[in-house]
Amino acid sequence: MYGIADDATSVIVLKPQVPGLDTNLLITTDRRAYYLRLVSKPEDYVARVAFVYPENDSARRWQKHMVERQAIERQRKREADVLPAMITAEKLNFGYRVDGGKQYLRPLRVYDDGSKTYIQMRPELRHREAPVLLVLGSDGKGENDELPCAGAHVDR
């Protein structure tokens, strides 16, 4: 390698010992494959071969696109993790009761802001499969047609 970090360039040195050799060489990189024909001639000498790529190279454009997309996804995640600033405590409804199921699987808190319902789970469940929750209406029946489950029940 010649250079440092992102500016480093791979170097391949070929030095034929005898004139009249004729062979081929395949060089593969993470973006391209180069097929070269190598012929050694006593009267010709090529000190260096270089490849130059235009700035609008599709691989570079794709890499830039992926970096931008990841930045957008990180921003969306940050926005999703934060409650909107316009929501005040008076608008939050904490009138939910959680029971049933195993204690460590029950939500810590359930509340809504009038349009969305928020279910806060225990931090230790972050890397586990989420439990099944069943919402019970005022009549004590589930509000959806799903099969009964062994998870926690949330009463409104």
C-alpha atoms as a PDB file:
ATOM      1  CA  MET A   1       0.000   0.000   0.000  1.00  0.00           C
ATOM      2  CA  TYR A   2       1.168   3.484  -0.792  1.00  0.00           C
ATOM      3  CA  GLY A   3      -0.344   6.406   1.136  1.00  0.00           C
ATOM      4  CA  ILE A   4      -2.332   6.730   4.341  1.00  0.00           C
ATOM      5  CA  ALA A   5      -5.894   5.618   5.289  1.00  0.00           C
ATOM      6  CA  ASP A   6      -8.503   6.667   2.700  1.00  0.00           C
ATOM      7  CA  ASP A   7      -5.810   8.050   0.398  1.00  0.00           C
ATOM      8  CA  ALA A   8      -3.921   4.731   0.316  1.00  0.00           C
ATOM      9  CA  THR A   9      -3.337   3.078  -3.047  1.00  0.00           C
ATOM     10  CA  SER A  10      -2.655  -0.594  -3.654  1.00  0.00           C
ATOM     11  CA  VAL A  11       0.554  -1.226  -5.547  1.00  0.00           C
ATOM     12  CA  ILE A  12       1.324  -4.314  -7.630  1.00  0.00           C
ATOM     13  CA  VAL A  13       4.875  -4.696  -8.868  1.00  0.00           C
ATOM     14  CA  LEU A  14       5.603  -6.965 -11.841  1.00  0.00           C
ATOM     15  CA  LYS A  15       9.137  -7.363 -13.124  1.00  0.00           C
ATOM     16  CA  PRO A  16       9.602  -9.895 -15.924  1.00  0.00           C
ATOM     17  CA  GLN A  17      13.023 -11.522 -15.999  1.00  0.00           C
ATOM     18  CA  VAL A  18      12.900 -12.716 -19.609  1.00  0.00           C
ATOM     19  CA  PRO A  19      11.665 -10.984 -22.825  1.00  0.00           C
ATOM     20  CA  GLY A  20       8.985 -12.678 -24.898  1.00  0.00           C
ATOM     21  CA  LEU A  21       6.672 -13.664 -22.055  1.00  0.00           C
ATOM     22  CA  ASP A  22       2.959 -13.431 -22.815  1.00  0.00           C
ATOM     23  CA  THR A  23       0.386 -14.070 -20.090  1.00  0.00           C
ATOM     24  CA  ASN A  24      -2.597 -12.511 -18.415  1.00  0.00           C
ATOM     25  CA  LEU A  25      -3.359 -11.071 -14.993  1.00  0.00           C
ATOM     26  CA  LEU A  26      -6.652 -10.741 -13.119  1.00  0.00           C
ATOM     27  CA  ILE A  27      -6.850  -8.115 -10.368  1.00  0.00           C
ATOM     28  CA  THR A  28     -10.058  -7.943  -8.326  1.00  0.00           C
ATOM     29  CA  THR A  29     -11.019  -5.173  -5.938  1.00  0.00           C
ATOM     30  CA  ASP A  30     -14.122  -4.456  -3.898  1.00  0.00           C
ATOM     31  CA  ARG A  31     -15.531  -2.472  -6.838  1.00  0.00           C
ATOM     32  CA  ARG A  32     -13.994  -3.789 -10.063  1.00  0.00           C
ATOM     33  CA  ALA A  33     -12.213  -6.626 -11.828  1.00  0.00           C
ATOM     34  CA  TYR A  34      -9.288  -5.824 -14.144  1.00  0.00           C
ATOM     35  CA  TYR A  35      -8.228  -8.251 -16.903  1.00  0.00           C
ATOM     36  CA  LEU A  36      -4.753  -7.398 -18.195  1.00  0.00           C
ATOM     37  CA  ARG A  37      -2.602  -8.946 -20.908  1.00  0.00           C
ATOM     38  CA  LEU A  38       1.066  -8.896 -19.991  1.00  0.00           C
ATOM     39  CA  VAL A  39       3.716  -9.080 -22.708  1.00  0.00           C
ATOM     40  CA  SER A  40       7.418  -8.608 -21.925  1.00  0.00           C
ATOM     41  CA  LYS A  41       9.420  -6.937 -24.688  1.00  0.00           C
ATOM     42  CA  PRO A  42      13.080  -6.047 -24.465  1.00  0.00           C
ATOM     43  CA  GLU A  43      12.567  -2.687 -26.204  1.00  0.00           C
ATOM     44  CA  ASP A  44       9.461  -1.504 -24.266  1.00  0.00           C
ATOM     45  CA  TYR A  45       9.245  -0.639 -20.614  1.00  0.00           C
ATOM     46  CA  VAL A  46       6.174   0.687 -18.814  1.00  0.00           C
ATOM     47  CA  ALA A  47       7.164   2.227 -15.514  1.00  0.00           C
ATOM     48  CA  ARG A  48       3.667   2.720 -14.221  1.00  0.00           C
ATOM     49  CA  VAL A  49       0.014   2.128 -15.087  1.00  0.00           C
ATOM     50  CA  ALA A  50      -2.693   4.110 -13.300  1.00  0.00           C
ATOM     51  CA  PHE A  51      -6.471   4.116 -13.445  1.00  0.00           C
ATOM     52  CA  VAL A  52      -8.377   7.363 -13.027  1.00  0.00           C
ATOM     53  CA  TYR A  53     -12.091   7.433 -12.288  1.00  0.00           C
ATOM     54  CA  PRO A  54     -14.380  10.416 -12.842  1.00  0.00           C
ATOM     55  CA  GLU A  55     -16.058  12.001  -9.829  1.00  0.00           C
ATOM     56  CA  ASN A  56     -19.490  10.862 -11.033  1.00  0.00           C
ATOM     57  CA  ASP A  57     -18.442   7.249 -10.633  1.00  0.00           C
ATOM     58  CA  SER A  58     -21.543   5.212  -9.802  1.00  0.00           C
ATOM     59  CA  ALA A  59     -19.910   3.488  -6.815  1.00  0.00           C
ATOM     60  CA  ARG A  60     -19.068   6.837  -5.235  1.00  0.00           C
ATOM     61  CA  ARG A  61     -22.543   8.146  -5.904  1.00  0.00           C
ATOM     62  CA  TRP A  62     -24.023   4.995  -4.345  1.00  0.00           C
ATOM     63  CA  GLN A  63     -21.793   5.326  -1.283  1.00  0.00           C
ATOM     64  CA  LYS A  64     -22.811   8.988  -0.894  1.00  0.00           C
ATOM     65  CA  HIS A  65     -26.473   8.019  -1.268  1.00  0.00           C
ATOM     66  CA  MET A  66     -26.130   5.352   1.445  1.00  0.00           C
ATOM     67  CA  VAL A  67     -24.430   7.790   3.850  1.00  0.00           C
ATOM     68  CA  GLU A  68     -27.217  10.332   3.302  1.00  0.00           C
ATOM     69  CA  ARG A  69     -29.880   7.666   3.763  1.00  0.00           C
ATOM     70  CA  GLN A  70     -28.317   6.467   7.031  1.00  0.00           C
ATOM     71  CA  ALA A  71     -28.231  10.058   8.290  1.00  0.00           C
ATOM     72  CA  ILE A  72     -31.938  10.460   7.472  1.00  0.00           C
ATOM     73  CA  GLU A  73     -32.766   7.198   9.279  1.00  0.00           C
ATOM     74  CA  ARG A  74     -30.791   8.293  12.361  1.00  0.00           C
ATOM     75  CA  GLN A  75     -32.681  11.613  12.377  1.00  0.00           C
ATOM     76  CA  ARG A  76     -36.052   9.831  12.065  1.00  0.00           C
ATOM     77  CA  LYS A  77     -35.144   7.535  14.942  1.00  0.00           C
ATOM     78  CA  ARG A  78     -34.152  10.491  17.136  1.00  0.00           C
ATOM     79  CA  GLU A  79     -37.435  12.228  16.312  1.00  0.00           C
ATOM     80  CA  ALA A  80     -39.445   9.063  17.037  1.00  0.00           C
ATOM     81  CA  ASP A  81     -37.776   8.648  20.435  1.00  0.00           C
ATOM     82  CA  VAL A  82     -38.755  12.143  21.573  1.00  0.00           C
ATOM     83  CA  LEU A  83     -42.291  13.209  22.432  1.00  0.00           C
ATOM     84  CA  PRO A  84     -43.414  16.274  20.501  1.00  0.00           C
ATOM     85  CA  ALA A  85     -42.722  19.472  22.457  1.00  0.00           C
ATOM     86  CA  MET A  86     -46.324  20.608  22.041  1.00  0.00           C
ATOM     87  CA  ILE A  87     -47.683  17.826  24.233  1.00  0.00           C
ATOM     88  CA  THR A  88     -48.282  19.101  27.723  1.00  0.00           C
ATOM     89  CA  ALA A  89     -48.878  17.016  30.824  1.00  0.00           C
ATOM     90  CA  GLU A  90     -52.550  18.086  30.876  1.00  0.00           C
ATOM     91  CA  LYS A  91     -53.122  16.410  27.500  1.00  0.00           C
ATOM     92  CA  LEU A  92     -51.669  13.043  28.547  1.00  0.00           C
ATOM     93  CA  ASN A  93     -54.086  10.345  29.686  1.00  0.00           C
ATOM     94  CA  PHE A  94     -52.587   7.932  32.225  1.00  0.00           C
ATOM     95  CA  GLY A  95     -55.955   6.267  32.977  1.00  0.00           C
ATOM     96  CA  TYR A  96     -54.819   2.771  32.038  1.00  0.00           C
ATOM     97  CA  ARG A  97     -54.540  -0.289  34.250  1.00  0.00           C
ATOM     98  CA  VAL A  98     -52.104  -3.083  33.445  1.00  0.00           C
ATOM     99  CA  ASP A  99     -52.514  -6.559  34.930  1.00  0.00           C
ATOM    100  CA  GLY A 100     -52.078 -10.244  34.100  1.00  0.00           C
ATOM    101  CA  GLY A 101     -49.133 -11.960  32.542  1.00  0.00           C
ATOM    102  CA  LYS A 102     -45.741 -12.184  34.165  1.00  0.00           C
ATOM    103  CA  GLN A 103     -44.636  -9.187  36.217  1.00  0.00           C
ATOM    104  CA  TYR A 104     -41.327  -8.719  34.342  1.00  0.00           C
ATOM    105  CA  LEU A 105     -43.182  -8.666  30.997  1.00  0.00           C
ATOM    106  CA  ARG A 106     -45.770  -6.059  32.016  1.00  0.00           C
ATOM    107  CA  PRO A 107     -45.386  -2.508  30.716  1.00  0.00           C
ATOM    108  CA  LEU A 108     -44.128   0.027  33.259  1.00  0.00           C
ATOM    109  CA  ARG A 109     -46.475   2.709  31.989  1.00  0.00           C
ATOM    110  CA  VAL A 110     -49.232   3.121  29.411  1.00  0.00           C
ATOM    111  CA  TYR A 111     -50.589   6.505  28.375  1.00  0.00           C
ATOM    112  CA  ASP A 112     -51.955   8.345  25.361  1.00  0.00           C
ATOM    113  CA  ASP A 113     -51.873  11.891  24.017  1.00  0.00           C
ATOM    114  CA  GLY A 114     -55.258  11.748  22.317  1.00  0.00           C
ATOM    115  CA  SER A 115     -53.957  10.344  19.054  1.00  0.00           C
ATOM    116  CA  LYS A 116     -51.220   7.843  19.969  1.00  0.00           C
ATOM    117  CA  THR A 117     -50.901   5.322  22.756  1.00  0.00           C
ATOM    118  CA  TYR A 118     -47.461   4.926  24.343  1.00  0.00           C
ATOM    119  CA  ILE A 119     -46.386   1.723  26.077  1.00  0.00           C
ATOM    120  CA  GLN A 120     -43.193   1.978  28.118  1.00  0.00           C
ATOM    121  CA  MET A 121     -41.506  -1.384  28.664  1.00  0.00           C
ATOM    122  CA  ARG A 122     -38.725  -2.329  31.075  1.00  0.00           C
ATOM    123  CA  PRO A 123     -35.213  -1.598  29.737  1.00  0.00           C
ATOM    124  CA  GLU A 124     -34.134  -5.230  30.162  1.00  0.00           C
ATOM    125  CA  LEU A 125     -36.700  -6.243  27.493  1.00  0.00           C
ATOM    126  CA  ARG A 126     -34.950  -4.127  24.837  1.00  0.00           C
ATOM    127  CA  HIS A 127     -33.266  -7.123  23.200  1.00  0.00           C
ATOM    128  CA  ARG A 128     -36.043  -9.648  23.707  1.00  0.00           C
ATOM    129  CA  GLU A 129     -39.175 -10.421  21.782  1.00  0.00           C
ATOM    130  CA  ALA A 130     -41.991  -8.052  22.693  1.00  0.00           C
ATOM    131  CA  PRO A 131     -44.849  -9.585  24.703  1.00  0.00           C
ATOM    132  CA  VAL A 132     -48.342  -9.778  23.245  1.00  0.00           C
ATOM    133  CA  LEU A 133     -50.730  -7.190  24.677  1.00  0.00           C
ATOM    134  CA  LEU A 134     -54.503  -7.401  24.563  1.00  0.00           C
ATOM    135  CA  VAL A 135     -56.555  -4.216  24.891  1.00  0.00           C
ATOM    136  CA  LEU A 136     -59.826  -4.736  26.754  1.00  0.00           C
ATOM    137  CA  GLY A 137     -62.726  -2.385  26.248  1.00  0.00           C
ATOM    138  CA  SER A 138     -65.119  -1.204  28.964  1.00  0.00           C
ATOM    139  CA  ASP A 139     -67.186  -4.386  28.403  1.00  0.00           C
ATOM    140  CA  GLY A 140     -64.176  -6.536  29.339  1.00  0.00           C
ATOM    141  CA  LYS A 141     -63.807  -7.940  25.817  1.00  0.00           C
ATOM    142  CA  GLY A 142     -60.847  -7.565  23.500  1.00  0.00           C
ATOM    143  CA  GLU A 143     -61.077  -4.675  21.057  1.00  0.00           C
ATOM    144  CA  ASN A 144     -59.689  -6.734  18.190  1.00  0.00           C
ATOM    145  CA  ASP A 145     -60.421 -10.164  16.775  1.00  0.00           C
ATOM    146  CA  GLU A 146     -57.106 -11.725  17.747  1.00  0.00           C
ATOM    147  CA  LEU A 147     -56.959 -14.962  19.676  1.00  0.00           C
ATOM    148  CA  PRO A 148     -56.638 -14.636  23.452  1.00  0.00           C
ATOM    149  CA  CYS A 149     -53.028 -14.527  24.583  1.00  0.00           C
ATOM    150  CA  ALA A 150     -50.997 -15.104  27.697  1.00  0.00           C
ATOM    151  CA  GLY A 151     -49.650 -11.541  27.737  1.00  0.00           C
ATOM    152  CA  ALA A 152     -50.650  -8.570  29.866  1.00  0.00           C
ATOM    153  CA  HIS A 153     -54.091  -6.978  29.666  1.00  0.00           C
ATOM    154  CA  VAL A 154     -54.496  -3.224  29.322  1.00  0.00           C
ATOM    155  CA  ASP A 155     -57.871  -1.838  30.461  1.00  0.00           C
ATOM    156  CA  ARG A 156     -59.051   1.557  29.344  1.00  0.00           C
END
